[in-house]
Amino acid sequence: MMVKRGRRGALALAALSVFALGLGGCRGETPPDPSPAAVSQPVDEETQVVRFDRELGGYAPKKKEYSFYFTYKAVHPWWDAVALGMEEAAQQYADQGVIISYEYLAPSAVSAQDQIRRLEEAAPRGFDVIGVDVADVDAVTPAVNALLDQGHKVMTFSSSDASREDGCRRIAYVGNTHNFQDGADLAQALCQKLGGQGKVAVLVGTPGAPCHEDRALGVKSAVAQYPGMEIVELEYDEDTVEKAYQFTKEFLERHPDLAGIVCCNMSNPVGAARAVVEAGRQGQVVIVGMDHDQEALDYLRDGVIYALGVQDCYSIGFDTIQVAVKIADGLLPGEAYPEKTEESTTIIYQDGAAAMLRTLYGVID
């Protein structure tokens, strides 16, 4: 996808369709004694869920034209929100006389092999920087390292990194650096809501996807702090609503006393909530999960879902373009940008849902 839409078009589309602006003035229902986190926080009057007024930093690009290639896990509304931030950054560069062209492509379903193929096909096409949102660390890391050995400049971005600790020599990462903490925070909110007692199921997402796996590890860590809590089910729904719905139906059948479900991606809170409502178990099964799907926010507003962790997708996209320019210019991490650019997650509760729906999707109760 070659993005040509101007700034005003991107802002209007974002305001009406994909994700939240700053929600100053709305307050979420805060659970008792929430665990502190550096970048995961409940909404208050000062919190901006998404920093929508981003402006380029003072760095002066060395060239007048850049060409980037970005591939991500799968076609999905979450990555559409990231794309809007990219568009805005590219438009601001254009206002300065710097042309940013880029391709932003993904398969319809997550596939590490498809991602590797896309990286290999992009390699001979002369892009200044190649970016990848890693589908599977073990599978994709050798492909990234091979590109680097060939002299290509490769970064990771969006939701999933393959870090140097993983053996990946990618130059830098822009995105969520705290997926473990996000999972822990959501699980902590659930455990406290349940008074530290009950059986819990976990819906993870895609096997091998660092963001999903790390959130699941955070969930396990938080639940383990409560002797009265037990994880009785864990399934990978491959980031699909349909599989999350089916797994949840099975959880409810096998565990009539199931107390809670933790959802580690944007699709599974929707599938879990549908199954819980269908079974007439809303109010009995506490659901927490990730991100800004409209149906999930409807369920949050109605009390079916207890909490959602919303990521600042817009800033992820905006900062990805800025970092890619600096990488293309030959700058290394620490010179003008960090090795890992952190983006925020905000925990939204029922009291914040209506304002978020109004800002995101134009829904007025």
Protein backbone atom coordinates (compact mmCIF):
# COMPACT_ATOMS: atom_id res chain seq x y z
CA MET A 1 0.00 0.00 0.00
CA MET A 2 1.49 3.31 -1.06
CA VAL A 3 0.14 6.00 1.24
CA LYS A 4 -0.64 9.34 -0.35
CA ARG A 5 -3.47 10.69 1.78
CA GLY A 6 -2.75 14.10 3.32
CA ARG A 7 -2.70 15.00 6.97
CA ARG A 8 -6.25 16.28 7.28
CA GLY A 9 -7.64 13.16 5.67
CA ALA A 10 -5.69 10.96 8.04
CA LEU A 11 -6.83 12.89 11.09
CA ALA A 12 -10.46 12.82 10.05
CA LEU A 13 -10.34 9.11 9.34
CA ALA A 14 -8.69 8.44 12.68
CA ALA A 15 -11.21 10.50 14.60
CA LEU A 16 -14.12 8.67 13.02
CA SER A 17 -12.87 5.15 12.66
CA VAL A 18 -9.86 3.51 14.11
CA PHE A 19 -8.61 4.60 17.51
CA ALA A 20 -8.84 6.92 20.50
CA LEU A 21 -7.68 10.47 20.78
CA GLY A 22 -6.61 11.82 24.14
CA LEU A 23 -9.37 11.23 26.67
CA GLY A 24 -8.64 14.09 29.02
CA GLY A 25 -11.62 14.67 31.26
CA CYS A 26 -12.87 11.08 31.48
CA ARG A 27 -12.02 8.84 34.37
CA GLY A 28 -12.07 5.08 34.30
CA GLU A 29 -13.29 2.94 37.16
CA THR A 30 -10.03 2.20 38.97
CA PRO A 31 -9.70 -1.16 40.74
CA PRO A 32 -8.53 -1.16 44.34
CA ASP A 33 -4.80 -0.65 44.80
CA PRO A 34 -3.77 -1.09 41.14
CA SER A 35 -0.21 -2.21 40.61
CA PRO A 36 2.08 0.64 39.49
CA ALA A 37 3.68 0.50 36.06
CA ALA A 38 6.02 2.81 34.24
CA VAL A 39 3.90 3.13 31.12
CA SER A 40 0.68 1.23 31.83
CA GLN A 41 -1.75 3.36 33.78
CA PRO A 42 -5.48 3.83 34.44
CA VAL A 43 -7.09 6.87 32.82
CA ASP A 44 -7.35 10.10 34.78
CA GLU A 45 -8.04 13.70 33.82
CA GLU A 46 -4.48 14.27 32.60
CA THR A 47 -4.01 11.06 30.64
CA GLN A 48 -3.82 11.04 26.85
CA VAL A 49 -4.63 7.58 25.60
CA VAL A 50 -3.20 8.50 22.20
CA ARG A 51 -0.94 11.50 21.61
CA PHE A 52 -2.67 12.74 18.53
CA ASP A 53 -0.92 16.10 18.28
CA ARG A 54 2.50 14.70 17.41
CA GLU A 55 5.06 16.87 15.62
CA LEU A 56 8.40 15.94 14.10
CA GLY A 57 11.48 16.49 16.23
CA GLY A 58 14.24 18.88 15.29
CA TYR A 59 16.32 16.39 13.30
CA ALA A 60 17.13 17.61 9.75
CA PRO A 61 17.05 14.73 7.21
CA LYS A 62 20.12 14.40 5.01
CA LYS A 63 18.16 13.54 1.85
CA LYS A 64 15.11 14.87 0.05
CA GLU A 65 13.61 11.46 -0.72
CA TYR A 66 13.35 8.19 1.22
CA SER A 67 11.86 4.81 0.40
CA PHE A 68 10.84 2.33 3.12
CA TYR A 69 9.31 -1.14 3.21
CA PHE A 70 7.25 -2.27 6.21
CA THR A 71 5.66 -5.67 6.71
CA TYR A 72 3.61 -6.65 9.73
CA LYS A 73 1.74 -9.64 11.09
CA ALA A 74 -1.68 -9.49 9.41
CA VAL A 75 -4.24 -7.18 7.87
CA HIS A 76 -6.16 -5.95 10.92
CA PRO A 77 -7.64 -2.69 12.30
CA TRP A 78 -4.85 -2.46 14.90
CA TRP A 79 -2.25 -1.98 12.16
CA ASP A 80 -4.54 0.43 10.31
CA ALA A 81 -4.17 2.70 13.33
CA VAL A 82 -0.39 2.40 13.13
CA ALA A 83 -0.60 3.34 9.44
CA LEU A 84 -2.38 6.60 10.29
CA GLY A 85 0.55 7.70 12.44
CA MET A 86 2.90 6.85 9.58
CA GLU A 87 0.81 8.93 7.18
CA GLU A 88 0.90 11.95 9.44
CA ALA A 89 4.69 11.78 9.88
CA ALA A 90 5.16 11.41 6.12
CA GLN A 91 2.90 14.42 5.51
CA GLN A 92 4.83 16.54 7.98
CA TYR A 93 8.08 15.61 6.23
CA ALA A 94 6.45 16.53 2.92
CA ASP A 95 5.62 19.94 4.37
CA GLN A 96 9.37 20.34 4.91
CA GLY A 97 10.17 19.32 1.35
CA VAL A 98 11.19 15.74 2.21
CA ILE A 99 9.33 12.98 0.34
CA ILE A 100 8.70 9.74 2.21
CA SER A 101 7.37 6.87 0.10
CA TYR A 102 6.75 3.48 1.65
CA GLU A 103 5.01 0.18 1.24
CA TYR A 104 3.02 -1.19 4.17
CA LEU A 105 1.98 -4.76 3.51
CA ALA A 106 0.87 -7.91 5.35
CA PRO A 107 -0.90 -11.22 4.70
CA SER A 108 -4.54 -11.81 5.59
CA ALA A 109 -3.49 -14.29 8.29
CA VAL A 110 -0.35 -14.45 10.42
CA SER A 111 2.41 -16.50 8.80
CA ALA A 112 6.10 -16.36 9.68
CA GLN A 113 6.97 -18.01 6.38
CA ASP A 114 4.98 -15.42 4.45
CA GLN A 115 6.79 -12.70 6.37
CA ILE A 116 10.17 -14.19 5.54
CA ARG A 117 9.20 -14.37 1.87
CA ARG A 118 8.17 -10.70 1.89
CA LEU A 119 11.47 -9.67 3.46
CA GLU A 120 13.45 -11.65 0.90
CA GLU A 121 11.46 -10.15 -1.98
CA ALA A 122 11.95 -6.61 -0.63
CA ALA A 123 15.73 -7.03 -0.31
CA PRO A 124 16.75 -6.40 -3.96
CA ARG A 125 14.38 -3.46 -4.44
CA GLY A 126 16.65 -0.76 -3.01
CA PHE A 127 14.67 0.44 0.01
CA ASP A 128 16.51 2.74 2.41
CA VAL A 129 15.14 0.81 5.40
CA ILE A 130 13.18 -2.43 5.79
CA GLY A 131 10.92 -2.73 8.83
CA VAL A 132 9.24 -5.83 10.22
CA ASP A 133 6.70 -6.48 12.98
CA VAL A 134 7.99 -9.93 13.92
CA ALA A 135 5.51 -12.79 13.57
CA ASP A 136 7.76 -15.42 15.17
CA VAL A 137 11.12 -14.61 16.77
CA ASP A 138 12.77 -17.97 16.14
CA ALA A 139 11.66 -18.17 12.52
CA VAL A 140 12.15 -14.56 11.44
CA THR A 141 15.39 -13.68 13.25
CA PRO A 142 17.63 -15.60 10.78
CA ALA A 143 15.96 -13.76 7.88
CA VAL A 144 16.55 -10.38 9.52
CA ASN A 145 20.18 -11.19 10.24
CA ALA A 146 20.69 -12.39 6.65
CA LEU A 147 19.42 -9.05 5.34
CA LEU A 148 21.79 -7.19 7.64
CA ASP A 149 24.69 -9.35 6.44
CA GLN A 150 23.79 -8.31 2.89
CA GLY A 151 24.11 -4.65 3.87
CA HIS A 152 20.43 -3.80 4.28
CA LYS A 153 19.22 -1.58 7.12
CA VAL A 154 16.54 -3.42 9.09
CA MET A 155 14.43 -2.27 12.03
CA THR A 156 11.54 -3.81 13.93
CA PHE A 157 8.41 -1.91 14.79
CA SER A 158 4.82 -1.98 16.04
CA SER A 159 3.85 -4.75 18.46
CA SER A 160 6.69 -7.28 18.38
CA ASP A 161 10.45 -6.96 18.55
CA ALA A 162 13.14 -9.54 17.94
CA SER A 163 15.73 -8.10 20.26
CA ARG A 164 19.46 -8.48 20.58
CA GLU A 165 18.80 -10.74 23.54
CA ASP A 166 17.00 -13.03 21.07
CA GLY A 167 20.06 -13.08 18.80
CA CYS A 168 18.54 -10.62 16.34
CA ARG A 169 20.86 -7.85 15.17
CA ARG A 170 18.13 -5.47 13.99
CA ILE A 171 19.17 -1.84 14.31
CA ALA A 172 16.30 -0.51 16.46
CA TYR A 173 12.72 -1.11 17.56
CA VAL A 174 9.75 1.26 17.83
CA GLY A 175 6.63 0.03 19.61
CA ASN A 176 5.37 -1.64 22.73
CA THR A 177 8.36 -2.42 24.94
CA HIS A 178 6.30 -3.55 27.93
CA ASN A 179 4.02 -6.36 26.79
CA PHE A 180 4.91 -8.44 29.85
CA GLN A 181 3.82 -5.56 32.10
CA ASP A 182 0.61 -5.04 30.11
CA GLY A 183 -0.34 -8.67 30.66
CA ALA A 184 0.57 -8.44 34.33
CA ASP A 185 -1.43 -5.24 34.82
CA LEU A 186 -4.55 -6.66 33.19
CA ALA A 187 -4.28 -9.87 35.20
CA GLN A 188 -3.71 -7.89 38.38
CA ALA A 189 -6.88 -5.89 37.73
CA LEU A 190 -8.81 -9.11 37.18
CA CYS A 191 -7.42 -10.80 40.27
CA GLN A 192 -8.25 -7.81 42.44
CA LYS A 193 -11.75 -7.61 40.98
CA LEU A 194 -12.22 -11.25 41.93
CA GLY A 195 -10.86 -10.72 45.42
CA GLY A 196 -7.93 -13.05 44.72
CA GLN A 197 -10.10 -16.14 44.33
CA GLY A 198 -11.15 -18.14 41.29
CA LYS A 199 -10.33 -20.05 38.12
CA VAL A 200 -8.96 -18.15 35.14
CA ALA A 201 -8.59 -18.89 31.42
CA VAL A 202 -6.07 -17.20 29.12
CA LEU A 203 -6.45 -16.52 25.40
CA VAL A 204 -2.99 -15.77 23.99
CA GLY A 205 -3.01 -15.14 20.25
CA THR A 206 -0.38 -16.31 17.78
CA PRO A 207 2.25 -18.88 18.84
CA GLY A 208 5.71 -17.32 18.72
CA ALA A 209 4.50 -13.70 18.45
CA PRO A 210 6.59 -11.88 21.06
CA CYS A 211 3.83 -9.46 22.12
CA HIS A 212 1.30 -12.23 22.74
CA GLU A 213 3.76 -14.58 24.40
CA ASP A 214 5.13 -11.84 26.66
CA ARG A 215 1.66 -10.75 27.75
CA ALA A 216 0.82 -14.35 28.59
CA LEU A 217 3.98 -14.58 30.70
CA GLY A 218 2.92 -11.39 32.50
CA VAL A 219 -0.50 -12.87 33.14
CA LYS A 220 1.01 -16.02 34.63
CA SER A 221 3.34 -13.97 36.82
CA ALA A 222 0.53 -11.84 38.22
CA VAL A 223 -1.87 -14.72 38.82
CA ALA A 224 0.87 -16.65 40.62
CA GLN A 225 0.91 -13.95 43.31
CA TYR A 226 -2.57 -15.04 44.43
CA PRO A 227 -2.75 -18.46 46.14
CA GLY A 228 -6.50 -18.53 45.60
CA MET A 229 -6.21 -18.05 41.82
CA GLU A 230 -5.59 -20.77 39.26
CA ILE A 231 -5.09 -20.73 35.47
CA VAL A 232 -7.11 -23.71 34.26
CA GLU A 233 -7.04 -23.10 30.49
CA LEU A 234 -4.67 -21.49 27.99
CA GLU A 235 -5.26 -21.49 24.24
CA TYR A 236 -3.83 -19.79 21.15
CA ASP A 237 -6.64 -18.27 19.07
CA GLU A 238 -4.28 -16.95 16.34
CA ASP A 239 -5.67 -13.43 16.81
CA THR A 240 -9.09 -14.35 15.43
CA VAL A 241 -12.47 -13.53 16.95
CA GLU A 242 -13.95 -16.82 15.76
CA LYS A 243 -11.38 -19.06 17.45
CA ALA A 244 -11.49 -17.00 20.64
CA TYR A 245 -15.28 -17.38 20.69
CA GLN A 246 -15.07 -21.15 20.19
CA PHE A 247 -12.38 -21.62 22.83
CA THR A 248 -14.36 -19.56 25.32
CA LYS A 249 -17.46 -21.64 24.72
CA GLU A 250 -15.40 -24.72 25.53
CA PHE A 251 -13.90 -23.09 28.64
CA LEU A 252 -17.36 -22.29 29.97
CA GLU A 253 -18.61 -25.81 29.30
CA ARG A 254 -15.63 -27.45 31.01
CA HIS A 255 -15.55 -25.02 33.94
CA PRO A 256 -19.01 -23.96 35.15
CA ASP A 257 -17.24 -22.06 37.95
CA LEU A 258 -14.84 -20.16 35.65
CA ALA A 259 -14.33 -16.72 37.20
CA GLY A 260 -12.26 -14.79 34.67
CA ILE A 261 -10.66 -14.63 31.23
CA VAL A 262 -7.51 -12.69 30.29
CA CYS A 263 -7.22 -11.82 26.59
CA CYS A 264 -3.80 -11.01 25.14
CA ASN A 265 -4.66 -9.42 21.78
CA MET A 266 -7.25 -7.15 20.14
CA SER A 267 -9.48 -9.92 18.72
CA ASN A 268 -9.93 -12.27 21.64
CA PRO A 269 -11.79 -9.94 24.03
CA VAL A 270 -14.53 -9.76 21.39
CA GLY A 271 -14.74 -13.51 20.93
CA ALA A 272 -14.64 -14.12 24.67
CA ALA A 273 -17.37 -11.55 25.36
CA ARG A 274 -19.65 -12.96 22.66
CA ALA A 275 -19.41 -16.43 24.18
CA VAL A 276 -19.95 -15.19 27.73
CA VAL A 277 -23.05 -13.21 26.72
CA GLU A 278 -24.39 -16.15 24.72
CA ALA A 279 -24.01 -18.35 27.80
CA GLY A 280 -25.73 -15.77 30.00
CA ARG A 281 -22.62 -15.52 32.17
CA GLN A 282 -22.03 -11.75 31.93
CA GLY A 283 -21.52 -10.38 35.42
CA GLN A 284 -20.23 -13.79 36.51
CA VAL A 285 -17.09 -14.09 34.35
CA VAL A 286 -14.68 -11.12 34.49
CA ILE A 287 -13.00 -10.36 31.14
CA VAL A 288 -9.93 -8.19 30.64
CA GLY A 289 -8.07 -7.72 27.36
CA MET A 290 -6.26 -5.53 24.89
CA ASP A 291 -6.97 -2.58 22.65
CA HIS A 292 -9.62 -0.54 20.93
CA ASP A 293 -11.96 -2.72 18.87
CA GLN A 294 -15.39 -1.04 18.72
CA GLU A 295 -17.28 -4.16 19.74
CA ALA A 296 -14.92 -4.64 22.68
CA LEU A 297 -15.51 -1.03 23.75
CA ASP A 298 -19.28 -1.65 23.51
CA TYR A 299 -18.85 -4.60 25.84
CA LEU A 300 -16.70 -2.48 28.16
CA ARG A 301 -19.38 0.23 28.29
CA ASP A 302 -22.03 -2.41 29.05
CA GLY A 303 -19.98 -4.05 31.80
CA VAL A 304 -19.38 -7.35 30.00
CA ILE A 305 -15.66 -6.55 29.73
CA TYR A 306 -14.05 -5.12 32.87
CA ALA A 307 -10.88 -3.51 31.48
CA LEU A 308 -9.03 -2.94 28.19
CA GLY A 309 -5.37 -1.99 27.72
CA VAL A 310 -5.24 0.47 24.81
CA GLN A 311 -1.94 1.06 23.03
CA ASP A 312 -0.90 4.33 21.39
CA CYS A 313 -0.86 2.93 17.86
CA TYR A 314 -0.73 6.39 16.30
CA SER A 315 2.55 7.25 18.04
CA ILE A 316 3.99 3.87 17.07
CA GLY A 317 3.48 4.69 13.41
CA PHE A 318 4.60 8.30 13.73
CA ASP A 319 7.82 7.40 15.53
CA THR A 320 8.55 4.49 13.19
CA ILE A 321 8.86 6.90 10.27
CA GLN A 322 11.07 9.29 12.27
CA VAL A 323 13.41 6.53 13.37
CA ALA A 324 13.52 5.03 9.86
CA VAL A 325 14.72 8.37 8.46
CA LYS A 326 17.56 8.48 10.98
CA ILE A 327 18.53 4.88 10.30
CA ALA A 328 18.54 5.60 6.56
CA ASP A 329 20.88 8.52 7.21
CA GLY A 330 23.35 6.17 8.88
CA LEU A 331 22.76 7.18 12.49
CA LEU A 332 23.07 4.48 15.12
CA PRO A 333 20.98 4.05 18.27
CA GLY A 334 22.10 6.48 20.95
CA GLU A 335 23.10 9.18 18.46
CA ALA A 336 19.66 10.64 17.74
CA TYR A 337 17.20 7.95 18.84
CA PRO A 338 17.12 5.09 21.36
CA GLU A 339 17.55 1.43 20.49
CA LYS A 340 13.99 0.92 21.72
CA THR A 341 11.41 3.70 21.43
CA GLU A 342 8.78 3.13 24.11
CA GLU A 343 5.10 3.71 23.43
CA SER A 344 2.34 3.74 26.03
CA THR A 345 -0.55 1.48 27.05
CA THR A 346 -3.45 2.88 29.07
CA ILE A 347 -5.88 0.75 31.07
CA ILE A 348 -9.48 1.82 30.34
CA TYR A 349 -12.39 0.87 32.61
CA GLN A 350 -16.15 1.11 32.20
CA ASP A 351 -16.42 4.80 33.05
CA GLY A 352 -14.10 5.68 30.17
CA ALA A 353 -15.82 3.56 27.51
CA ALA A 354 -18.56 5.97 26.36
CA ALA A 355 -16.13 8.85 25.84
CA MET A 356 -13.78 6.57 23.96
CA LEU A 357 -16.55 5.26 21.71
CA ARG A 358 -17.63 8.81 20.98
CA THR A 359 -14.11 9.92 20.07
CA LEU A 360 -13.16 6.79 18.16
CA TYR A 361 -16.29 5.88 16.31
CA GLY A 362 -18.71 8.78 16.67
CA VAL A 363 -21.01 6.72 18.89
CA ILE A 364 -23.22 8.98 21.02
CA ASP A 365 -25.44 7.32 23.63
